[in-house]
Amino acid sequence: MSADVWLPIPPDEIEGLPAGPRYLFWDGGEDGRQEFPGDPAECVFYVVPYMTPLPVRVRPLAHLSGVRVVQTLTAGVDDVMGPVSALGPGVRLCNARGVHEASTAELALTLTLASLRGVPGFVRAQQQERWEGGFHPALADRSVLIVGYGAIGSAIEDRLTPFDVARVARVARSARTTARGPVHPLTDLPALLPDADVVILATPLTEATRHLVNADFLARMKDGALLVNVARGPVVETKALLAELESGRLTAALDVTDPEPLPPGHPLWQAPGVLISPHVGGPSSAFRPRARRLLADQLTRFVNREPLRNVILTTGESGG
């Protein structure tokens, strides 16, 4: 029996793959119905295709009876956690920490600057050939709160530093100290929100963060504050956000929404003060080289029986 590795990037495009496994290409195909590249029972390492519908990504899992590692190319794994948890014991689920930080942090800063400086209004005016000036807030001298201070949250602060922000507050699941300063626990949010001019969400979606941004959270934000979401749509309670947007008290910039994709006719499209991008934090020119490096490193570790990076859960273990 061979030890197969299913890759959504052609193997000959990934420099540094270790010898030993048989590398097979499978990305689901354009219609999601692509035949499996080999016997699923012989697949020991499955790399989940990137930016394909969830049913396509998880379709092989029920057939991978011998799989030992499921590697995503996303930072968040909430969508595949359930199907992977149903596999036999000892399967490791790994995320793509290290792949998306630069691109997602870039977009978080882009959305923040565009929203503060009124760029969406300039675009609308340009389309109508109107020269429409105005006074807009700068990012300089603003207080920024980053909710979800992991690798992406830290990368966002890297990019905020040159913009002369007044201060950055950091929040994660639990308190800790970094070289930049303290990271507050989620329980400190009520005290931190009233001071923030900009709140940037970069937290994973978990049971603890689902609808974290609810009516109470939003009510604690100061008048005129900006909410930026580059995390997951369900971190924000859409109905509560709509109420604040329609009142004009808050503005928002959203790379992710709930529901997603946002359907035509949804009130969020036309809500005042909102800028929406279609979940494009990760897919940029920065993705592919970083994804290739991650896969070469992980597979080298796998072949050499070394500890894998970014293990989120191991099936059959407590909490997995």
Protein backbone atom coordinates (compact mmCIF):
# COMPACT_ATOMS: atom_id res chain seq x y z
CA MET A 1 0.00 0.00 0.00
CA SER A 2 1.31 3.44 -0.88
CA ALA A 3 1.21 6.48 1.40
CA ASP A 4 -0.59 9.09 -0.67
CA VAL A 5 -0.70 12.84 -0.11
CA TRP A 6 -3.53 14.77 -1.77
CA LEU A 7 -2.53 18.31 -2.67
CA PRO A 8 -4.70 21.11 -4.12
CA ILE A 9 -1.57 22.66 -5.66
CA PRO A 10 0.22 20.65 -8.37
CA PRO A 11 3.13 18.85 -6.67
CA ASP A 12 5.65 20.04 -9.27
CA GLU A 13 4.88 23.63 -8.19
CA ILE A 14 5.93 22.97 -4.59
CA GLU A 15 9.67 23.13 -4.06
CA GLY A 16 11.13 21.03 -1.28
CA LEU A 17 8.59 18.22 -1.00
CA PRO A 18 10.29 15.28 0.73
CA ALA A 19 10.74 11.95 -0.98
CA GLY A 20 8.65 9.02 0.13
CA PRO A 21 4.94 9.71 -0.28
CA ARG A 22 3.13 9.60 -3.60
CA TYR A 23 1.87 13.13 -4.29
CA LEU A 24 -1.50 13.40 -6.03
CA PHE A 25 -3.27 16.55 -7.18
CA TRP A 26 -6.91 17.10 -6.20
CA ASP A 27 -8.72 20.43 -5.89
CA GLY A 28 -12.30 19.29 -6.47
CA GLY A 29 -12.44 20.55 -10.05
CA GLU A 30 -14.36 23.50 -11.46
CA ASP A 31 -17.73 21.88 -10.80
CA GLY A 32 -16.71 20.26 -7.52
CA ARG A 33 -17.18 16.78 -8.97
CA GLN A 34 -13.61 15.91 -9.83
CA GLU A 35 -12.89 12.22 -9.35
CA PHE A 36 -10.58 11.28 -6.53
CA PRO A 37 -6.96 10.99 -7.72
CA GLY A 38 -6.38 7.63 -6.08
CA ASP A 39 -7.73 5.18 -3.56
CA PRO A 40 -8.97 7.31 -0.61
CA ALA A 41 -7.99 4.54 1.79
CA GLU A 42 -4.34 5.13 0.87
CA CYS A 43 -4.40 8.88 1.56
CA VAL A 44 -2.50 9.65 4.78
CA PHE A 45 -2.22 13.43 4.42
CA TYR A 46 -5.12 15.46 3.00
CA VAL A 47 -4.67 19.15 2.17
CA VAL A 48 -8.07 20.80 2.01
CA PRO A 49 -8.61 22.80 -1.22
CA TYR A 50 -8.68 26.56 -0.75
CA MET A 51 -11.63 28.77 -1.70
CA THR A 52 -13.92 25.96 -2.79
CA PRO A 53 -17.43 25.33 -1.43
CA LEU A 54 -17.53 23.50 1.88
CA PRO A 55 -19.28 20.38 0.49
CA VAL A 56 -16.40 19.98 -1.98
CA ARG A 57 -13.71 20.45 0.67
CA VAL A 58 -15.17 17.89 3.07
CA ARG A 59 -16.38 15.37 0.45
CA PRO A 60 -13.26 13.17 0.65
CA LEU A 61 -13.21 13.00 4.46
CA ALA A 62 -15.79 10.24 4.80
CA HIS A 63 -13.66 8.05 2.49
CA LEU A 64 -10.20 8.72 3.98
CA SER A 65 -10.09 5.73 6.33
CA GLY A 66 -6.30 5.89 6.76
CA VAL A 67 -5.76 9.64 6.92
CA ARG A 68 -3.42 10.85 9.67
CA VAL A 69 -3.29 14.60 8.94
CA VAL A 70 -5.85 17.06 7.58
CA GLN A 71 -4.13 20.32 6.66
CA THR A 72 -6.20 23.39 5.82
CA LEU A 73 -4.95 26.38 3.86
CA THR A 74 -7.07 28.72 5.96
CA ALA A 75 -6.40 30.29 9.33
CA GLY A 76 -9.89 29.43 10.56
CA VAL A 77 -10.95 25.78 10.77
CA ASP A 78 -14.44 26.20 12.23
CA ASP A 79 -16.09 25.00 9.02
CA VAL A 80 -14.22 21.66 8.86
CA MET A 81 -13.94 21.00 12.58
CA GLY A 82 -17.12 18.92 12.75
CA PRO A 83 -16.33 16.55 9.84
CA VAL A 84 -12.74 16.10 11.01
CA SER A 85 -13.84 15.43 14.61
CA ALA A 86 -15.95 12.55 13.28
CA LEU A 87 -12.87 10.76 11.92
CA GLY A 88 -11.13 7.96 13.76
CA PRO A 89 -8.79 8.68 16.67
CA GLY A 90 -5.36 10.19 16.19
CA VAL A 91 -6.06 12.41 13.15
CA ARG A 92 -4.38 15.80 13.46
CA LEU A 93 -6.08 18.91 12.10
CA CYS A 94 -3.66 21.72 11.26
CA ASN A 95 -4.42 25.26 10.16
CA ALA A 96 -2.45 27.63 7.94
CA ARG A 97 -0.93 29.92 10.54
CA GLY A 98 1.85 31.82 8.78
CA VAL A 99 0.10 31.93 5.40
CA HIS A 100 -2.53 34.65 5.73
CA GLU A 101 -1.16 37.13 8.27
CA ALA A 102 0.36 39.58 5.79
CA SER A 103 -2.54 39.60 3.36
CA THR A 104 -5.30 39.77 5.97
CA ALA A 105 -3.54 42.46 7.98
CA GLU A 106 -3.09 44.47 4.78
CA LEU A 107 -6.80 44.29 4.08
CA ALA A 108 -7.69 45.20 7.67
CA LEU A 109 -5.63 48.37 7.33
CA THR A 110 -7.06 49.06 3.86
CA LEU A 111 -10.64 48.78 5.09
CA THR A 112 -9.86 50.95 8.11
CA LEU A 113 -8.23 53.72 6.10
CA ALA A 114 -10.81 53.60 3.30
CA SER A 115 -13.68 53.85 5.75
CA LEU A 116 -12.18 56.62 7.87
CA ARG A 117 -11.10 58.73 4.91
CA GLY A 118 -14.39 58.39 3.03
CA VAL A 119 -13.09 56.49 0.02
CA PRO A 120 -16.43 54.74 -0.74
CA GLY A 121 -18.07 58.16 -1.10
CA PHE A 122 -15.28 59.33 -3.40
CA VAL A 123 -15.83 56.29 -5.63
CA ARG A 124 -19.56 56.97 -5.86
CA ALA A 125 -18.89 60.63 -6.65
CA GLN A 126 -16.35 59.68 -9.33
CA GLN A 127 -18.90 57.43 -11.02
CA GLN A 128 -21.22 60.44 -11.21
CA GLU A 129 -18.39 62.83 -12.23
CA ARG A 130 -18.86 64.94 -9.10
CA TRP A 131 -16.00 66.69 -7.28
CA GLU A 132 -17.09 66.21 -3.70
CA GLY A 133 -14.64 67.13 -0.97
CA GLY A 134 -15.14 66.98 2.76
CA PHE A 135 -13.53 66.56 6.16
CA HIS A 136 -12.80 63.01 7.30
CA PRO A 137 -11.08 61.49 10.32
CA ALA A 138 -7.50 60.29 10.04
CA LEU A 139 -6.15 57.09 11.51
CA ALA A 140 -3.49 59.18 13.23
CA ASP A 141 -4.29 59.93 16.87
CA ARG A 142 -7.06 57.28 16.96
CA SER A 143 -7.39 54.62 19.63
CA VAL A 144 -7.53 51.11 18.12
CA LEU A 145 -8.76 47.93 19.81
CA ILE A 146 -7.74 44.60 18.25
CA VAL A 147 -10.04 41.74 19.31
CA GLY A 148 -8.27 38.47 18.60
CA TYR A 149 -4.57 39.04 19.20
CA GLY A 150 -3.04 35.99 17.55
CA ALA A 151 -0.73 35.94 14.56
CA ILE A 152 -3.08 38.02 12.40
CA GLY A 153 -3.85 40.46 15.20
CA SER A 154 -0.13 40.97 15.80
CA ALA A 155 0.42 41.51 12.06
CA ILE A 156 -2.32 44.14 12.07
CA GLU A 157 -0.53 46.01 14.85
CA ASP A 158 2.70 45.83 12.82
CA ARG A 159 0.95 47.77 10.10
CA LEU A 160 -0.75 50.23 12.43
CA THR A 161 2.53 51.31 14.03
CA PRO A 162 3.68 53.75 11.27
CA PHE A 163 0.30 55.54 11.27
CA ASP A 164 0.77 57.39 14.55
CA VAL A 165 -2.22 55.87 16.29
CA ALA A 166 -2.72 57.14 19.82
CA ARG A 167 -2.73 53.66 21.32
CA VAL A 168 -3.49 50.03 20.58
CA ALA A 169 -5.36 47.81 23.02
CA ARG A 170 -5.16 44.04 22.54
CA VAL A 171 -7.67 41.37 23.49
CA ALA A 172 -7.40 37.59 23.26
CA ARG A 173 -9.00 34.57 24.92
CA SER A 174 -6.70 34.87 27.92
CA ALA A 175 -4.39 37.53 29.34
CA ARG A 176 -0.67 37.59 28.63
CA THR A 177 2.20 40.02 28.20
CA THR A 178 3.95 40.81 24.92
CA ALA A 179 6.90 43.01 24.01
CA ARG A 180 4.40 45.64 22.87
CA GLY A 181 2.35 45.55 26.04
CA PRO A 182 -0.43 43.65 27.76
CA VAL A 183 -2.99 41.47 26.03
CA HIS A 184 -6.30 41.66 27.86
CA PRO A 185 -8.73 38.76 28.29
CA LEU A 186 -12.15 38.83 26.64
CA THR A 187 -13.67 39.68 30.01
CA ASP A 188 -12.02 43.12 29.83
CA LEU A 189 -13.93 44.10 26.68
CA PRO A 190 -16.69 46.07 28.46
CA ALA A 191 -14.09 48.38 29.97
CA LEU A 192 -12.03 48.74 26.77
CA LEU A 193 -14.74 49.32 24.17
CA PRO A 194 -15.81 52.85 25.20
CA ASP A 195 -12.31 54.20 24.54
CA ALA A 196 -11.83 52.73 21.05
CA ASP A 197 -12.27 54.78 17.87
CA VAL A 198 -11.64 51.68 15.76
CA VAL A 199 -12.41 48.07 16.76
CA ILE A 200 -10.78 45.44 14.53
CA LEU A 201 -12.01 41.85 14.81
CA ALA A 202 -9.45 39.14 14.03
CA THR A 203 -10.62 36.40 16.36
CA PRO A 204 -11.29 32.78 15.37
CA LEU A 205 -14.91 31.67 15.33
CA THR A 206 -15.57 29.50 18.38
CA GLU A 207 -18.52 28.97 20.64
CA ALA A 208 -17.07 31.71 22.85
CA THR A 209 -16.81 34.23 20.00
CA ARG A 210 -19.99 33.46 18.05
CA HIS A 211 -22.10 36.64 18.30
CA LEU A 212 -19.46 38.13 20.58
CA VAL A 213 -20.30 41.42 18.88
CA ASN A 214 -23.91 41.66 19.96
CA ALA A 215 -26.18 44.56 20.92
CA ASP A 216 -24.45 45.02 24.26
CA PHE A 217 -20.97 45.01 22.71
CA LEU A 218 -22.01 47.57 20.09
CA ALA A 219 -23.79 49.77 22.63
CA ARG A 220 -20.51 50.08 24.55
CA MET A 221 -18.68 51.40 21.48
CA LYS A 222 -18.33 55.18 21.39
CA ASP A 223 -20.44 57.30 19.05
CA GLY A 224 -18.85 57.47 15.60
CA ALA A 225 -16.61 54.44 16.14
CA LEU A 226 -15.69 52.10 13.28
CA LEU A 227 -16.06 48.29 13.46
CA VAL A 228 -13.77 46.33 11.10
CA ASN A 229 -14.35 42.58 10.70
CA VAL A 230 -11.67 40.43 9.05
CA ALA A 231 -12.49 37.44 11.30
CA ARG A 232 -15.66 35.44 10.55
CA GLY A 233 -19.15 36.73 9.83
CA PRO A 234 -20.92 35.03 12.76
CA VAL A 235 -18.62 36.78 15.25
CA VAL A 236 -21.00 39.72 14.66
CA GLU A 237 -24.74 39.57 15.25
CA THR A 238 -25.95 41.06 11.97
CA LYS A 239 -29.30 42.30 13.22
CA ALA A 240 -27.67 44.23 16.06
CA LEU A 241 -25.08 45.74 13.71
CA LEU A 242 -27.77 46.80 11.25
CA ALA A 243 -29.60 48.66 14.00
CA GLU A 244 -26.47 50.68 14.84
CA LEU A 245 -25.65 51.37 11.19
CA GLU A 246 -29.18 52.51 10.36
CA SER A 247 -29.15 54.86 13.33
CA GLY A 248 -25.93 56.39 12.03
CA ARG A 249 -24.15 55.96 15.37
CA LEU A 250 -21.52 53.50 14.15
CA THR A 251 -19.83 52.68 10.85
CA ALA A 252 -18.44 49.33 9.70
CA ALA A 253 -16.06 47.76 7.23
CA LEU A 254 -16.73 44.06 6.69
CA ASP A 255 -14.69 41.50 4.79
CA VAL A 256 -16.93 38.77 6.21
CA THR A 257 -20.67 38.73 6.79
CA ASP A 258 -23.42 36.55 8.20
CA PRO A 259 -24.91 35.20 5.98
CA GLU A 260 -22.11 34.68 3.50
CA PRO A 261 -22.08 35.16 0.60
CA LEU A 262 -24.35 38.13 1.29
CA PRO A 263 -27.42 37.54 -0.91
CA PRO A 264 -28.93 40.19 -3.20
CA GLY A 265 -31.51 42.26 -1.39
CA HIS A 266 -29.97 41.80 2.05
CA PRO A 267 -30.33 45.07 4.04
CA LEU A 268 -26.61 45.10 4.86
CA TRP A 269 -25.82 45.98 1.23
CA GLN A 270 -27.61 49.30 1.46
CA ALA A 271 -27.00 50.11 5.13
CA PRO A 272 -25.47 53.56 5.66
CA GLY A 273 -21.84 53.78 6.66
CA VAL A 274 -20.80 50.26 5.69
CA LEU A 275 -18.01 49.14 3.35
CA ILE A 276 -18.18 45.48 2.27
CA SER A 277 -15.48 43.39 0.61
CA PRO A 278 -16.28 39.79 -0.42
CA HIS A 279 -14.09 37.78 2.00
CA VAL A 280 -10.81 38.58 0.25
CA GLY A 281 -8.51 38.90 3.26
CA GLY A 282 -6.53 35.78 2.34
CA PRO A 283 -6.66 35.39 -1.45
CA SER A 284 -3.92 37.65 -2.77
CA SER A 285 -0.55 37.25 -4.43
CA ALA A 286 0.89 36.63 -0.95
CA PHE A 287 -1.05 33.38 -0.56
CA ARG A 288 0.52 30.89 -2.94
CA PRO A 289 4.23 31.23 -2.05
CA ARG A 290 3.44 31.06 1.66
CA ALA A 291 1.13 28.08 1.17
CA ARG A 292 3.82 26.21 -0.77
CA ARG A 293 6.39 26.85 1.95
CA LEU A 294 3.97 25.68 4.64
CA LEU A 295 3.18 22.45 2.80
CA ALA A 296 6.83 21.63 2.11
CA ASP A 297 7.68 22.19 5.78
CA GLN A 298 4.72 20.25 7.16
CA LEU A 299 5.26 17.29 4.88
CA THR A 300 8.98 17.21 5.70
CA ARG A 301 8.03 17.09 9.37
CA PHE A 302 5.44 14.39 8.68
CA VAL A 303 7.84 12.17 6.74
CA ASN A 304 10.58 12.62 9.37
CA ARG A 305 8.09 11.97 12.20
CA GLU A 306 8.76 15.39 13.68
CA PRO A 307 6.12 17.50 15.48
CA LEU A 308 3.79 19.23 13.05
CA ARG A 309 3.09 22.95 13.19
CA ASN A 310 -0.30 24.49 13.86
CA VAL A 311 -2.07 21.43 15.29
CA ILE A 312 -5.56 22.61 16.28
CA LEU A 313 -6.91 19.27 17.47
CA THR A 314 -6.15 15.58 17.51
CA THR A 315 -9.22 13.39 17.19
CA GLY A 316 -9.98 11.13 20.09
CA GLU A 317 -8.26 13.40 22.59
CA SER A 318 -10.05 15.49 25.19
CA GLY A 319 -11.70 18.41 23.38
CA GLY A 320 -10.97 16.88 19.96
